[in-house]
């Protein structure tokens, strides 16, 4: 049998015609790999995909500024802020507690406590937080995310904030771990809860780390990876987000009153940008906009703990025609855990929203679902960490900014 003939290609590498027919390639399917590893195809040059972990400044690029500069430009004094420590738990009201409990158990939580009358349930993960989710019986209602603060004095300080006029510090006699709770309301009426004095829980059993072999490093010798089916065990609450109508006012309220710092803004170009005057630009800068030719429409915020690393975002907001909670998100162990959890939820006939995929901003692997009350809830794994030295970044809003891989984003995802 004759050997196939090697033919020169335009870039100097060689092409070997292959027998067989393909509607995409035609009868001859040329495979041309140049010295840089690029693949020449009838549809153009394709470079192999690349994934790597790079410094935040390099990943963010030039469209950024330091957090200190951003705070100064917006006249924010960190000394005046309520000092949040971390995100503790979500609070929701559900009409059918049995139904939502079944879902949350399938989602990977377990019951920490049920009230004697069955009207209130606390659910926990395997971390040291007493509970990551609180549910009470009643018509569907969002009761807010809950942040732990540094001291009781911070709770008292928060009672003087706008939005705290009708609030008082409540002693949590019934909740696991006890503590004190204060509920504020932001300018659009969303509740935000502040917690202090909760006793930490003993941590649960942490999953084993799966050893991974790649093409070079192969540490897993005579050890076989094996998995069992079941829910993706929840570790902690990672973040939640809101869709808001008055985006600038909401950003102002949260970033001025709490140590929530922007990690990323998303923007859209302003249609009449070419007609923008220098006066307009000055007004935009005074209003917090970095560039008068565009408008910020979403923000990812982290808890600013100085040098201490924190999650890329603990809270986010996006501009919307209607004000409503978007979703809350819970951390799971790893990629396999997430896929097995997805498979488990699908087998129980719950409704998937979007996933599995990997976000660009935050880098985490995501998987969104509808709970049985109609709230969106997410599993995530492998998220970025930031601190005070991570620059504030600006990115163009659009579907392409949401994920690097995964299913096509549903058109209504940010509605």
Protein backbone atom coordinates (compact mmCIF):
# COMPACT_ATOMS: atom_id res chain seq x y z
CA UNK A 1 0.00 0.00 0.00
CA UNK A 2 1.41 3.38 -1.01
CA UNK A 3 2.28 5.87 1.71
CA UNK A 4 0.27 9.13 1.66
CA UNK A 5 2.10 12.00 0.03
CA UNK A 6 3.32 14.81 2.24
CA UNK A 7 2.55 18.23 0.77
CA UNK A 8 3.99 21.63 1.74
CA UNK A 9 1.61 24.15 3.28
CA UNK A 10 1.56 27.90 3.00
CA UNK A 11 3.25 28.38 6.37
CA UNK A 12 6.11 25.99 5.63
CA UNK A 13 4.87 23.03 7.65
CA UNK A 14 3.69 19.80 6.09
CA UNK A 15 0.21 18.57 5.31
CA UNK A 16 -0.76 14.91 5.15
CA UNK A 17 -4.02 14.27 3.28
CA UNK A 18 -6.19 11.71 5.09
CA UNK A 19 -8.61 9.37 3.38
CA UNK A 20 -12.30 9.52 4.16
CA UNK A 21 -15.12 12.02 3.74
CA UNK A 22 -16.41 14.65 6.13
CA UNK A 23 -19.08 17.24 5.44
CA UNK A 24 -16.98 19.72 7.40
CA UNK A 25 -13.60 18.99 5.85
CA UNK A 26 -14.40 17.43 2.48
CA UNK A 27 -12.83 14.30 1.02
CA UNK A 28 -9.27 15.29 1.95
CA UNK A 29 -8.86 16.40 5.57
CA UNK A 30 -5.58 18.32 5.84
CA UNK A 31 -4.02 18.51 9.28
CA UNK A 32 -1.40 21.24 9.43
CA UNK A 33 0.40 21.94 12.67
CA UNK A 34 2.94 24.76 12.55
CA UNK A 35 5.96 25.27 14.77
CA UNK A 36 3.87 27.26 17.27
CA UNK A 37 1.30 24.52 17.70
CA UNK A 38 -1.39 26.29 15.66
CA UNK A 39 -3.72 24.12 13.59
CA UNK A 40 -4.54 25.27 10.06
CA UNK A 41 -8.03 24.21 9.01
CA UNK A 42 -10.29 25.16 6.10
CA UNK A 43 -11.99 27.52 8.59
CA UNK A 44 -8.85 29.36 9.64
CA UNK A 45 -6.09 28.93 12.18
CA UNK A 46 -7.05 27.34 15.50
CA UNK A 47 -4.79 27.51 18.54
CA UNK A 48 -5.06 24.89 21.29
CA UNK A 49 -6.96 26.09 24.34
CA UNK A 50 -4.84 27.18 27.28
CA UNK A 51 -5.63 27.39 30.96
CA UNK A 52 -3.29 28.84 33.55
CA UNK A 53 -3.30 30.66 36.87
CA UNK A 54 -1.90 34.17 36.48
CA UNK A 55 -1.52 37.16 38.85
CA UNK A 56 -4.65 39.25 39.38
CA UNK A 57 -3.06 42.38 37.91
CA UNK A 58 -2.15 40.53 34.71
CA UNK A 59 -5.60 38.95 34.41
CA UNK A 60 -7.39 42.24 35.03
CA UNK A 61 -5.40 44.36 32.60
CA UNK A 62 -5.14 48.15 32.29
CA UNK A 63 -8.84 49.02 32.68
CA UNK A 64 -8.58 49.19 36.46
CA UNK A 65 -7.59 51.30 39.43
CA UNK A 66 -6.48 50.61 42.98
CA UNK A 67 -9.12 50.13 45.65
CA UNK A 68 -7.65 53.05 47.60
CA UNK A 69 -7.97 55.30 44.55
CA UNK A 70 -11.56 54.19 43.91
CA UNK A 71 -12.55 54.84 47.52
CA UNK A 72 -10.89 58.26 47.47
CA UNK A 73 -12.60 59.18 44.20
CA UNK A 74 -15.94 58.24 45.75
CA UNK A 75 -15.19 59.98 49.09
CA UNK A 76 -15.44 56.71 51.04
CA UNK A 77 -13.71 56.59 54.42
CA UNK A 78 -13.13 52.95 55.46
CA UNK A 79 -13.01 54.03 59.11
CA UNK A 80 -16.70 54.93 58.94
CA UNK A 81 -17.83 51.56 57.59
CA UNK A 82 -19.54 48.73 59.45
CA UNK A 83 -16.89 46.02 59.66
CA UNK A 84 -18.20 42.80 58.17
CA UNK A 85 -16.22 39.61 58.74
CA UNK A 86 -17.86 37.10 56.44
CA UNK A 87 -21.14 36.00 54.91
CA UNK A 88 -22.92 33.67 57.33
CA UNK A 89 -26.28 32.44 56.03
CA UNK A 90 -29.31 33.16 53.86
CA UNK A 91 -32.83 33.75 55.16
CA UNK A 92 -35.95 32.89 53.15
CA UNK A 93 -39.64 32.32 53.73
CA UNK A 94 -41.26 29.31 52.02
CA UNK A 95 -44.91 28.23 51.84
CA UNK A 96 -44.06 24.51 52.06
CA UNK A 97 -41.22 23.72 54.47
CA UNK A 98 -41.39 19.97 53.86
CA UNK A 99 -40.93 20.49 50.13
CA UNK A 100 -38.03 22.95 50.45
CA UNK A 101 -36.40 20.72 53.07
CA UNK A 102 -36.42 17.78 50.68
CA UNK A 103 -34.82 19.99 48.03
CA UNK A 104 -32.15 21.41 50.35
CA UNK A 105 -31.21 17.91 51.53
CA UNK A 106 -30.86 16.86 47.89
CA UNK A 107 -28.84 20.06 47.34
CA UNK A 108 -26.32 18.95 49.98
CA UNK A 109 -27.36 20.56 53.27
CA UNK A 110 -28.61 18.85 56.40
CA UNK A 111 -30.91 19.97 59.18
CA UNK A 112 -29.19 21.65 62.12
CA UNK A 113 -32.41 22.33 64.04
CA UNK A 114 -36.17 22.37 63.61
CA UNK A 115 -38.36 24.49 65.89
CA UNK A 116 -40.82 22.57 68.10
CA UNK A 117 -43.79 23.87 66.09
CA UNK A 118 -42.07 23.02 62.78
CA UNK A 119 -42.40 26.60 61.52
CA UNK A 120 -38.65 27.33 61.39
CA UNK A 121 -35.72 25.21 60.18
CA UNK A 122 -31.97 25.86 60.21
CA UNK A 123 -29.74 24.00 57.71
CA UNK A 124 -25.98 23.64 57.85
CA UNK A 125 -23.03 22.55 55.76
CA UNK A 126 -19.86 20.81 56.92
CA UNK A 127 -17.96 24.02 57.76
CA UNK A 128 -17.83 25.73 61.14
CA UNK A 129 -20.87 27.95 60.54
CA UNK A 130 -23.81 26.86 62.70
CA UNK A 131 -26.14 27.11 59.72
CA UNK A 132 -25.91 28.37 56.16
CA UNK A 133 -29.64 28.66 55.45
CA UNK A 134 -32.66 29.60 57.53
CA UNK A 135 -36.23 28.95 56.38
CA UNK A 136 -39.51 29.92 57.98
CA UNK A 137 -43.05 29.07 56.94
CA UNK A 138 -45.09 31.67 55.08
CA UNK A 139 -45.69 33.13 51.62
CA UNK A 140 -42.62 33.22 49.37
CA UNK A 141 -40.36 36.01 50.60
CA UNK A 142 -36.69 36.95 50.56
CA UNK A 143 -35.48 37.70 54.10
CA UNK A 144 -31.94 38.72 53.18
CA UNK A 145 -28.36 37.59 53.39
CA UNK A 146 -26.65 37.65 56.78
CA UNK A 147 -23.15 38.96 57.47
CA UNK A 148 -21.16 38.38 60.64
CA UNK A 149 -19.70 41.62 62.06
CA UNK A 150 -16.61 42.19 64.20
CA UNK A 151 -18.29 43.20 67.47
CA UNK A 152 -21.51 44.08 69.23
CA UNK A 153 -20.39 47.70 68.91
CA UNK A 154 -20.65 47.31 65.13
CA UNK A 155 -24.29 46.26 65.54
CA UNK A 156 -24.95 49.34 67.66
CA UNK A 157 -23.18 51.51 65.09
CA UNK A 158 -25.36 50.00 62.36
CA UNK A 159 -28.57 51.00 64.16
CA UNK A 160 -27.74 54.59 63.21
CA UNK A 161 -27.49 53.88 59.47
CA UNK A 162 -30.12 54.91 56.92
CA UNK A 163 -32.43 51.92 56.63
CA UNK A 164 -32.24 50.99 60.32
CA UNK A 165 -34.90 53.39 61.58
CA UNK A 166 -37.40 50.66 62.50
CA UNK A 167 -34.82 48.03 63.45
CA UNK A 168 -33.57 46.84 66.81
CA UNK A 169 -30.98 44.29 67.88
CA UNK A 170 -32.63 40.90 68.42
CA UNK A 171 -31.31 38.14 70.68
CA UNK A 172 -31.38 34.79 68.86
CA UNK A 173 -32.55 32.54 71.69
CA UNK A 174 -33.77 29.74 69.44
CA UNK A 175 -31.18 29.66 66.66
CA UNK A 176 -28.23 27.24 66.82
CA UNK A 177 -25.20 29.03 68.27
CA UNK A 178 -27.25 31.96 69.56
CA UNK A 179 -26.01 35.48 68.89
CA UNK A 180 -27.54 38.86 68.12
CA UNK A 181 -29.19 39.93 64.86
CA UNK A 182 -29.97 43.32 63.34
CA UNK A 183 -31.95 43.70 60.12
CA UNK A 184 -31.45 46.79 57.95
CA UNK A 185 -33.07 47.73 54.64
CA UNK A 186 -31.23 49.19 51.67
CA UNK A 187 -32.68 52.03 49.53
CA UNK A 188 -34.77 49.59 47.46
CA UNK A 189 -36.13 47.83 50.53
CA UNK A 190 -34.01 44.66 50.42
CA UNK A 191 -33.22 43.33 53.90
CA UNK A 192 -29.62 42.81 54.97
CA UNK A 193 -28.92 41.10 58.30
CA UNK A 194 -25.95 41.66 60.60
CA UNK A 195 -24.98 38.97 63.11
CA UNK A 196 -22.66 38.94 66.10
CA UNK A 197 -21.91 36.51 68.92
CA UNK A 198 -22.82 33.22 67.29
CA UNK A 199 -20.81 30.33 68.73
CA UNK A 200 -18.89 28.44 66.02
CA UNK A 201 -19.95 24.89 65.29
CA UNK A 202 -17.56 21.94 65.25
CA UNK A 203 -16.62 21.38 61.64
CA UNK A 204 -18.00 18.36 59.89
CA UNK A 205 -16.13 15.73 57.94
CA UNK A 206 -14.21 17.29 55.06
CA UNK A 207 -14.02 15.36 51.77
CA UNK A 208 -10.72 13.80 50.75
CA UNK A 209 -8.75 15.58 48.05
CA UNK A 210 -8.76 13.64 44.81
CA UNK A 211 -5.24 13.12 43.46
CA UNK A 212 -5.01 14.16 39.81
CA UNK A 213 -2.53 12.84 37.27
CA UNK A 214 -1.67 15.10 34.33
CA UNK A 215 0.58 14.39 31.37
CA UNK A 216 3.75 15.21 33.34
CA UNK A 217 3.07 14.90 37.07
CA UNK A 218 1.58 11.55 38.01
CA UNK A 219 1.57 11.27 41.81
CA UNK A 220 -1.34 8.82 41.85
CA UNK A 221 0.35 5.43 41.63
CA UNK A 222 -1.61 2.33 42.60
CA UNK A 223 -4.38 4.58 43.84
CA UNK A 224 -7.62 4.48 41.87
CA UNK A 225 -10.20 7.27 41.92
CA UNK A 226 -13.62 6.04 42.98
CA UNK A 227 -16.79 8.03 43.66
CA UNK A 228 -20.25 7.43 45.08
CA UNK A 229 -23.46 9.04 43.88
CA UNK A 230 -25.38 11.49 46.06
CA UNK A 231 -25.88 15.19 46.76
CA UNK A 232 -22.96 17.62 46.51
CA UNK A 233 -22.24 18.33 50.18
CA UNK A 234 -22.38 22.06 50.92
CA UNK A 235 -19.40 23.59 52.72
CA UNK A 236 -20.46 27.22 53.20
CA UNK A 237 -22.48 30.09 51.80
CA UNK A 238 -20.32 31.93 49.28
CA UNK A 239 -22.34 34.82 47.87
CA UNK A 240 -25.73 36.14 46.88
CA UNK A 241 -26.95 38.83 44.52
CA UNK A 242 -29.71 41.29 43.75
CA UNK A 243 -31.23 42.79 40.62
CA UNK A 244 -31.82 46.48 41.34
CA UNK A 245 -33.38 49.47 39.61
CA UNK A 246 -31.30 52.36 40.98
CA UNK A 247 -27.86 50.82 40.57
CA UNK A 248 -25.75 53.89 41.53
CA UNK A 249 -27.74 54.47 44.74
CA UNK A 250 -27.45 50.82 45.74
CA UNK A 251 -23.69 50.72 45.11
CA UNK A 252 -23.31 53.94 47.10
CA UNK A 253 -25.28 52.57 50.08
CA UNK A 254 -23.46 49.25 50.36
CA UNK A 255 -19.91 50.46 49.69
CA UNK A 256 -20.17 53.55 51.89
CA UNK A 257 -21.85 51.90 54.88
CA UNK A 258 -20.10 48.50 54.86
CA UNK A 259 -16.60 47.27 54.06
CA UNK A 260 -17.84 45.81 50.79
CA UNK A 261 -15.32 46.66 48.08
CA UNK A 262 -15.74 46.30 44.31
CA UNK A 263 -13.71 43.61 42.61
CA UNK A 264 -15.26 43.96 39.15
CA UNK A 265 -17.67 46.35 37.47
CA UNK A 266 -19.48 45.50 34.24
CA UNK A 267 -20.35 48.37 31.92
CA UNK A 268 -22.19 49.13 28.70
CA UNK A 269 -21.25 51.92 26.25
CA UNK A 270 -23.46 55.00 26.30
CA UNK A 271 -25.10 55.51 22.90
CA UNK A 272 -24.28 59.19 22.69
CA UNK A 273 -20.75 58.78 24.01
CA UNK A 274 -19.28 60.75 21.10
CA UNK A 275 -21.39 63.77 22.15
CA UNK A 276 -20.24 63.65 25.78
CA UNK A 277 -18.77 66.94 26.95
CA UNK A 278 -16.00 67.46 29.47
CA UNK A 279 -18.67 68.78 31.86
CA UNK A 280 -20.59 65.52 31.50
CA UNK A 281 -17.41 63.59 32.20
CA UNK A 282 -16.83 65.55 35.41
CA UNK A 283 -20.36 64.83 36.57
CA UNK A 284 -19.90 61.15 35.77
CA UNK A 285 -16.72 61.01 37.82
CA UNK A 286 -18.46 62.74 40.73
CA UNK A 287 -21.22 60.13 40.48
CA UNK A 288 -18.74 57.27 40.70
CA UNK A 289 -18.47 56.47 36.98
CA UNK A 290 -14.88 55.93 35.87
CA UNK A 291 -15.63 56.89 32.26
CA UNK A 292 -18.49 59.15 31.11
CA UNK A 293 -18.65 57.28 27.79
CA UNK A 294 -20.02 54.19 29.47
CA UNK A 295 -22.35 53.20 32.29
CA UNK A 296 -21.70 50.67 35.05
CA UNK A 297 -24.54 48.14 35.20
CA UNK A 298 -23.27 45.39 37.52
CA UNK A 299 -20.75 44.97 40.31
CA UNK A 300 -19.10 42.09 42.16
CA UNK A 301 -18.19 43.05 45.73
CA UNK A 302 -15.93 41.35 48.26
CA UNK A 303 -15.59 41.80 52.01
CA UNK A 304 -12.53 44.01 52.43
CA UNK A 305 -10.42 42.45 55.20
CA UNK A 306 -7.20 44.22 54.26
CA UNK A 307 -4.37 41.76 53.63
CA UNK A 308 -6.56 38.77 54.51
CA UNK A 309 -7.70 36.86 51.40
CA UNK A 310 -11.44 36.78 50.83
CA UNK A 311 -13.70 35.40 48.11
CA UNK A 312 -13.67 37.29 44.79
CA UNK A 313 -17.27 38.26 45.48
CA UNK A 314 -19.56 37.84 48.45
CA UNK A 315 -22.31 40.06 47.08
CA UNK A 316 -23.25 41.30 43.62
CA UNK A 317 -25.80 43.61 42.05
CA UNK A 318 -26.97 44.17 38.50
CA UNK A 319 -29.21 46.84 37.00
CA UNK A 320 -32.68 45.60 36.13
CA UNK A 321 -36.15 46.89 35.30
CA UNK A 322 -37.48 45.08 38.38
CA UNK A 323 -35.98 44.74 41.86
CA UNK A 324 -35.65 41.13 42.99
CA UNK A 325 -33.19 38.68 44.49
CA UNK A 326 -31.20 36.89 41.80
CA UNK A 327 -29.59 33.88 43.48
CA UNK A 328 -27.55 32.62 46.41
CA UNK A 329 -24.53 30.35 46.01
CA UNK A 330 -22.95 27.63 48.14
CA UNK A 331 -19.44 26.21 47.96
CA UNK A 332 -18.82 22.51 47.32
CA UNK A 333 -15.59 20.54 47.37
CA UNK A 334 -14.44 20.18 43.76
CA UNK A 335 -15.26 19.56 40.12
CA UNK A 336 -16.28 15.92 40.53
CA UNK A 337 -18.43 16.74 43.56
CA UNK A 338 -20.23 19.35 41.50
CA UNK A 339 -20.87 17.02 38.56
CA UNK A 340 -22.11 14.26 40.84
CA UNK A 341 -24.38 16.77 42.58
CA UNK A 342 -25.73 17.93 39.23
CA UNK A 343 -26.43 14.33 38.28
CA UNK A 344 -28.18 13.75 41.62
CA UNK A 345 -30.45 16.80 41.28
CA UNK A 346 -31.28 15.88 37.69
CA UNK A 347 -32.20 12.35 38.77
CA UNK A 348 -34.65 13.86 41.27
CA UNK A 349 -36.31 15.83 38.43
CA UNK A 350 -35.45 19.30 39.73
CA UNK A 351 -35.15 22.10 37.17
CA UNK A 352 -31.70 23.19 36.04
CA UNK A 353 -31.16 26.87 35.26
CA UNK A 354 -27.65 26.97 33.81
CA UNK A 355 -24.58 24.79 34.17
CA UNK A 356 -22.25 23.20 34.55
CA UNK A 357 -19.70 25.78 33.36
CA UNK A 358 -16.85 28.02 34.51
CA UNK A 359 -17.28 31.73 35.10
CA UNK A 360 -14.66 34.22 33.94
CA UNK A 361 -15.04 36.74 36.78
CA UNK A 362 -14.35 34.80 39.95
CA UNK A 363 -13.20 31.75 37.94
CA UNK A 364 -15.53 29.42 39.81
CA UNK A 365 -17.27 26.40 38.33
CA UNK A 366 -21.00 27.10 38.47
CA UNK A 367 -24.25 25.15 38.47
CA UNK A 368 -27.58 26.99 38.89
CA UNK A 369 -30.92 25.40 39.82
CA UNK A 370 -34.47 26.43 40.72
CA UNK A 371 -35.56 25.41 44.19
CA UNK A 372 -39.11 24.18 44.78
CA UNK A 373 -40.35 27.67 45.71
CA UNK A 374 -38.96 29.29 42.58
CA UNK A 375 -35.74 30.81 43.95
CA UNK A 376 -32.47 30.41 42.07
CA UNK A 377 -29.66 28.66 43.95
CA UNK A 378 -26.14 27.72 42.90
CA UNK A 379 -23.36 25.27 43.65
CA UNK A 380 -19.86 26.59 43.00
CA UNK A 381 -16.28 25.34 43.38
CA UNK A 382 -12.75 26.65 42.81
CA UNK A 383 -13.30 30.40 43.18
CA UNK A 384 -10.72 33.21 43.18
CA UNK A 385 -9.44 34.96 46.30
CA UNK A 386 -8.59 38.67 46.51
CA UNK A 387 -7.40 41.24 49.04
CA UNK A 388 -6.86 45.00 49.35
CA UNK A 389 -4.11 44.93 46.71
CA UNK A 390 -6.36 43.46 44.01
CA UNK A 391 -7.26 46.32 41.62
CA UNK A 392 -10.85 47.28 40.90
CA UNK A 393 -11.54 46.11 37.34
CA UNK A 394 -13.95 47.12 34.58
CA UNK A 395 -15.27 44.67 31.99
CA UNK A 396 -17.68 44.98 29.09
CA UNK A 397 -21.08 43.52 30.01
CA UNK A 398 -22.44 40.77 27.79
CA UNK A 399 -22.91 37.03 27.56
CA UNK A 400 -19.23 36.59 26.67
CA UNK A 401 -18.24 38.03 30.08
CA UNK A 402 -20.20 35.39 31.98
CA UNK A 403 -18.48 32.10 31.20
CA UNK A 404 -15.38 30.71 29.50
CA UNK A 405 -17.05 27.34 28.95
CA UNK A 406 -20.41 25.75 29.59
CA UNK A 407 -23.88 25.70 28.04
CA UNK A 408 -25.17 28.79 26.29
CA UNK A 409 -26.39 31.30 28.85
CA UNK A 410 -30.20 31.46 29.01
CA UNK A 411 -31.46 34.76 27.66
CA UNK A 412 -33.47 35.39 30.82
CA UNK A 413 -30.58 34.63 33.22
CA UNK A 414 -30.15 38.28 34.24
CA UNK A 415 -33.77 39.34 33.83
